[in-house]
Amino acid sequence: MGTPELPTYLHLAVSGASPADCEDGPLPGSAGVVSASGDPTGGLILWVANGYLKSVEHWWVTDEMPSEFPLVERLRPFGPDEDYSRRTPDSN
């Protein structure tokens, strides 16, 4: 699987730190993204590989893919029943 080169992915490289003791994949917890009027437009998921933060994914529920990452003012924490970071296509 390649690394997506899209404006909805922020790829990170970490150096000089010890790896965290966590599984590869999405971290538990995520954030919602809302429009200027407060309507949900998507969310953010943090991805880990080999104990290091690897990327941030900005997913969307709108018709068009976002062209940039959302402003901090547009982020909202998800509640436990809304955490999409651990869902799989079969868990709906």
N, C-alpha and C. Protein backbone atom coordinates (compact mmCIF):
# COMPACT_ATOMS: atom_id res chain seq x y z
N MET A 1 0.84 -1.17 0.00
CA MET A 1 0.00 0.00 0.00
C MET A 1 0.89 1.23 0.00
N GLY A 2 0.66 2.13 -0.90
CA GLY A 2 1.45 3.35 -1.00
C GLY A 2 0.98 4.42 -0.05
N THR A 3 1.70 5.51 -0.03
CA THR A 3 1.35 6.65 0.79
C THR A 3 0.55 7.64 -0.04
N PRO A 4 -0.70 7.91 0.35
CA PRO A 4 -1.49 8.86 -0.45
C PRO A 4 -0.86 10.25 -0.46
N GLU A 5 -0.79 10.85 -1.63
CA GLU A 5 -0.29 12.22 -1.77
C GLU A 5 -1.48 13.10 -2.09
N LEU A 6 -2.28 13.38 -1.09
CA LEU A 6 -3.49 14.17 -1.24
C LEU A 6 -3.48 15.31 -0.24
N PRO A 7 -4.23 16.39 -0.49
CA PRO A 7 -4.28 17.49 0.48
C PRO A 7 -5.01 17.11 1.76
N THR A 8 -5.54 15.88 1.83
CA THR A 8 -6.25 15.43 3.02
C THR A 8 -5.38 14.57 3.92
N TYR A 9 -4.10 14.42 3.60
CA TYR A 9 -3.15 13.67 4.42
C TYR A 9 -1.97 14.56 4.76
N LEU A 10 -1.58 14.55 6.04
CA LEU A 10 -0.38 15.25 6.50
C LEU A 10 0.59 14.17 6.95
N HIS A 11 1.70 14.00 6.24
CA HIS A 11 2.68 12.96 6.54
C HIS A 11 3.74 13.54 7.47
N LEU A 12 4.11 12.76 8.49
CA LEU A 12 5.03 13.23 9.52
C LEU A 12 6.24 12.32 9.62
N ALA A 13 7.35 12.88 10.07
CA ALA A 13 8.55 12.11 10.38
C ALA A 13 9.01 12.53 11.76
N VAL A 14 9.23 11.57 12.63
CA VAL A 14 9.63 11.84 14.01
C VAL A 14 11.05 11.34 14.21
N SER A 15 11.88 12.16 14.86
CA SER A 15 13.24 11.73 15.18
C SER A 15 13.58 12.20 16.59
N GLY A 16 14.52 11.49 17.21
CA GLY A 16 14.99 11.90 18.53
C GLY A 16 14.05 11.57 19.67
N ALA A 17 13.11 10.67 19.44
CA ALA A 17 12.17 10.28 20.49
C ALA A 17 12.03 8.77 20.52
N SER A 18 11.73 8.24 21.68
CA SER A 18 11.48 6.80 21.79
C SER A 18 10.08 6.49 21.29
N PRO A 19 9.89 5.32 20.68
CA PRO A 19 8.55 4.98 20.19
C PRO A 19 7.59 4.71 21.34
N ALA A 20 6.34 5.01 21.12
CA ALA A 20 5.28 4.73 22.09
C ALA A 20 4.94 3.24 22.03
N ASP A 21 4.42 2.72 23.10
CA ASP A 21 4.00 1.33 23.15
C ASP A 21 2.53 1.27 22.74
N CYS A 22 2.29 1.29 21.44
CA CYS A 22 0.92 1.22 20.93
C CYS A 22 0.92 0.49 19.59
N GLU A 23 -0.24 0.00 19.24
CA GLU A 23 -0.39 -0.74 18.00
C GLU A 23 -0.33 0.18 16.80
N ASP A 24 0.08 -0.36 15.67
CA ASP A 24 0.01 0.38 14.41
C ASP A 24 -1.45 0.57 14.04
N GLY A 25 -1.73 1.70 13.41
CA GLY A 25 -3.09 1.98 12.96
C GLY A 25 -3.59 3.28 13.54
N PRO A 26 -4.90 3.49 13.51
CA PRO A 26 -5.45 4.75 14.02
C PRO A 26 -5.40 4.80 15.54
N LEU A 27 -5.08 5.97 16.08
CA LEU A 27 -5.12 6.15 17.53
C LEU A 27 -6.58 6.27 17.97
N PRO A 28 -6.88 5.78 19.18
CA PRO A 28 -8.24 5.98 19.69
C PRO A 28 -8.53 7.47 19.84
N GLY A 29 -9.72 7.85 19.53
CA GLY A 29 -10.09 9.25 19.60
C GLY A 29 -9.90 9.91 18.26
N SER A 30 -10.67 10.89 17.99
CA SER A 30 -10.58 11.62 16.74
C SER A 30 -11.30 12.94 16.93
N ALA A 31 -11.26 13.78 15.92
CA ALA A 31 -11.91 15.08 16.01
C ALA A 31 -12.82 15.27 14.80
N GLY A 32 -13.93 15.93 15.03
CA GLY A 32 -14.82 16.28 13.94
C GLY A 32 -14.42 17.62 13.36
N VAL A 33 -14.81 17.84 12.13
CA VAL A 33 -14.57 19.11 11.45
C VAL A 33 -15.94 19.68 11.07
N VAL A 34 -16.14 20.95 11.35
CA VAL A 34 -17.41 21.60 11.02
C VAL A 34 -17.16 22.79 10.10
N SER A 35 -18.18 23.17 9.36
CA SER A 35 -18.11 24.34 8.48
C SER A 35 -18.21 25.61 9.32
N ALA A 36 -18.07 26.75 8.68
CA ALA A 36 -18.19 28.04 9.38
C ALA A 36 -19.57 28.19 10.02
N SER A 37 -20.58 27.53 9.46
CA SER A 37 -21.94 27.61 10.02
C SER A 37 -22.20 26.51 11.05
N GLY A 38 -21.19 25.64 11.32
CA GLY A 38 -21.33 24.62 12.34
C GLY A 38 -21.81 23.27 11.84
N ASP A 39 -21.98 23.12 10.53
CA ASP A 39 -22.41 21.84 9.97
C ASP A 39 -21.23 20.87 9.88
N PRO A 40 -21.44 19.59 10.22
CA PRO A 40 -20.35 18.60 10.11
C PRO A 40 -19.89 18.46 8.66
N THR A 41 -18.57 18.46 8.47
CA THR A 41 -18.01 18.28 7.12
C THR A 41 -17.05 17.10 7.04
N GLY A 42 -16.65 16.52 8.19
CA GLY A 42 -15.72 15.40 8.18
C GLY A 42 -15.04 15.27 9.52
N GLY A 43 -13.78 14.81 9.49
CA GLY A 43 -13.05 14.62 10.73
C GLY A 43 -11.57 14.37 10.50
N LEU A 44 -10.84 14.20 11.59
CA LEU A 44 -9.41 13.92 11.56
C LEU A 44 -9.13 12.62 12.29
N ILE A 45 -8.21 11.83 11.75
CA ILE A 45 -7.75 10.60 12.39
C ILE A 45 -6.22 10.65 12.43
N LEU A 46 -5.65 10.30 13.59
CA LEU A 46 -4.20 10.23 13.77
C LEU A 46 -3.76 8.78 13.55
N TRP A 47 -2.75 8.56 12.70
CA TRP A 47 -2.24 7.23 12.38
C TRP A 47 -0.85 7.03 12.97
N VAL A 48 -0.60 5.83 13.52
CA VAL A 48 0.68 5.47 14.13
C VAL A 48 1.29 4.30 13.37
N ALA A 49 2.63 4.32 13.24
CA ALA A 49 3.37 3.19 12.68
C ALA A 49 4.65 3.01 13.48
N ASN A 50 4.90 1.81 13.93
CA ASN A 50 6.10 1.48 14.70
C ASN A 50 6.28 2.36 15.94
N GLY A 51 5.16 2.77 16.55
CA GLY A 51 5.21 3.57 17.77
C GLY A 51 5.37 5.06 17.57
N TYR A 52 5.34 5.51 16.32
CA TYR A 52 5.48 6.94 16.03
C TYR A 52 4.26 7.45 15.27
N LEU A 53 3.90 8.71 15.53
CA LEU A 53 2.84 9.35 14.77
C LEU A 53 3.29 9.45 13.32
N LYS A 54 2.52 8.87 12.42
CA LYS A 54 2.93 8.79 11.02
C LYS A 54 2.18 9.79 10.14
N SER A 55 0.88 9.94 10.37
CA SER A 55 0.12 10.86 9.52
C SER A 55 -1.17 11.28 10.20
N VAL A 56 -1.73 12.35 9.66
CA VAL A 56 -3.05 12.84 10.06
C VAL A 56 -3.91 12.79 8.80
N GLU A 57 -5.04 12.13 8.92
CA GLU A 57 -5.96 12.00 7.79
C GLU A 57 -7.18 12.89 8.00
N HIS A 58 -7.51 13.68 7.01
CA HIS A 58 -8.71 14.51 7.04
C HIS A 58 -9.74 13.86 6.12
N TRP A 59 -10.74 13.20 6.72
CA TRP A 59 -11.78 12.58 5.91
C TRP A 59 -12.97 13.54 5.81
N TRP A 60 -13.83 13.31 4.84
CA TRP A 60 -14.92 14.24 4.60
C TRP A 60 -16.22 13.52 4.27
N VAL A 61 -17.32 14.25 4.50
CA VAL A 61 -18.66 13.74 4.19
C VAL A 61 -19.36 14.66 3.19
N THR A 62 -18.62 15.56 2.64
CA THR A 62 -19.15 16.50 1.66
C THR A 62 -18.97 15.94 0.25
N ASP A 63 -19.57 16.57 -0.73
CA ASP A 63 -19.46 16.10 -2.11
C ASP A 63 -18.05 16.27 -2.67
N GLU A 64 -17.34 17.30 -2.23
CA GLU A 64 -16.00 17.56 -2.76
C GLU A 64 -14.93 17.35 -1.70
N MET A 65 -13.80 16.80 -2.14
CA MET A 65 -12.66 16.59 -1.25
C MET A 65 -12.11 17.94 -0.79
N PRO A 66 -11.79 18.08 0.50
CA PRO A 66 -11.18 19.33 0.97
C PRO A 66 -9.85 19.59 0.25
N SER A 67 -9.53 20.84 0.06
CA SER A 67 -8.27 21.19 -0.61
C SER A 67 -7.18 21.57 0.38
N GLU A 68 -7.53 21.64 1.68
CA GLU A 68 -6.56 21.97 2.72
C GLU A 68 -7.06 21.46 4.06
N PHE A 69 -6.18 21.48 5.05
CA PHE A 69 -6.57 21.06 6.38
C PHE A 69 -7.44 22.14 7.03
N PRO A 70 -8.34 21.73 7.92
CA PRO A 70 -9.25 22.70 8.55
C PRO A 70 -8.51 23.60 9.55
N LEU A 71 -9.07 24.76 9.76
CA LEU A 71 -8.57 25.65 10.81
C LEU A 71 -8.87 25.02 12.17
N VAL A 72 -8.04 25.32 13.15
CA VAL A 72 -8.23 24.78 14.50
C VAL A 72 -9.62 25.14 15.03
N GLU A 73 -10.12 26.31 14.70
CA GLU A 73 -11.43 26.76 15.17
C GLU A 73 -12.56 25.87 14.67
N ARG A 74 -12.30 25.07 13.64
CA ARG A 74 -13.34 24.21 13.06
C ARG A 74 -13.30 22.78 13.59
N LEU A 75 -12.41 22.48 14.54
CA LEU A 75 -12.30 21.13 15.10
C LEU A 75 -13.20 20.99 16.32
N ARG A 76 -13.83 19.81 16.44
CA ARG A 76 -14.69 19.50 17.58
C ARG A 76 -14.37 18.08 18.04
N PRO A 77 -14.24 17.87 19.35
CA PRO A 77 -14.00 16.49 19.82
C PRO A 77 -15.23 15.63 19.59
N PHE A 78 -15.01 14.38 19.22
CA PHE A 78 -16.10 13.43 19.12
C PHE A 78 -16.36 12.83 20.48
N GLY A 79 -17.59 12.48 20.76
CA GLY A 79 -17.92 11.72 21.95
C GLY A 79 -17.55 10.25 21.72
N PRO A 80 -17.56 9.43 22.79
CA PRO A 80 -17.18 8.01 22.66
C PRO A 80 -18.00 7.26 21.61
N ASP A 81 -19.28 7.57 21.48
CA ASP A 81 -20.11 6.88 20.50
C ASP A 81 -19.91 7.40 19.09
N GLU A 82 -19.14 8.47 18.94
CA GLU A 82 -18.87 9.05 17.62
C GLU A 82 -17.44 8.84 17.16
N ASP A 83 -16.63 8.10 17.92
CA ASP A 83 -15.22 7.92 17.60
C ASP A 83 -15.08 7.02 16.38
N TYR A 84 -14.71 7.60 15.26
CA TYR A 84 -14.61 6.86 14.01
C TYR A 84 -13.23 6.28 13.76
N SER A 85 -12.28 6.49 14.67
CA SER A 85 -10.92 6.03 14.45
C SER A 85 -10.78 4.52 14.54
N ARG A 86 -11.67 3.82 15.20
CA ARG A 86 -11.57 2.37 15.36
C ARG A 86 -12.63 1.62 14.56
N ARG A 87 -13.36 2.30 13.73
CA ARG A 87 -14.40 1.65 12.94
C ARG A 87 -13.81 1.03 11.69
N THR A 88 -14.43 -0.04 11.29
CA THR A 88 -14.05 -0.68 10.04
C THR A 88 -15.27 -0.66 9.12
N PRO A 89 -15.11 -0.93 7.85
CA PRO A 89 -16.27 -0.92 6.94
C PRO A 89 -17.39 -1.85 7.39
N ASP A 90 -17.08 -2.92 8.14
CA ASP A 90 -18.11 -3.87 8.58
C ASP A 90 -18.81 -3.44 9.86
N SER A 91 -18.34 -2.40 10.57
CA SER A 91 -18.88 -2.09 11.89
C SER A 91 -20.05 -1.12 11.88
N ASN A 92 -20.63 -0.85 10.76
CA ASN A 92 -21.78 0.07 10.70
C ASN A 92 -23.03 -0.56 11.26
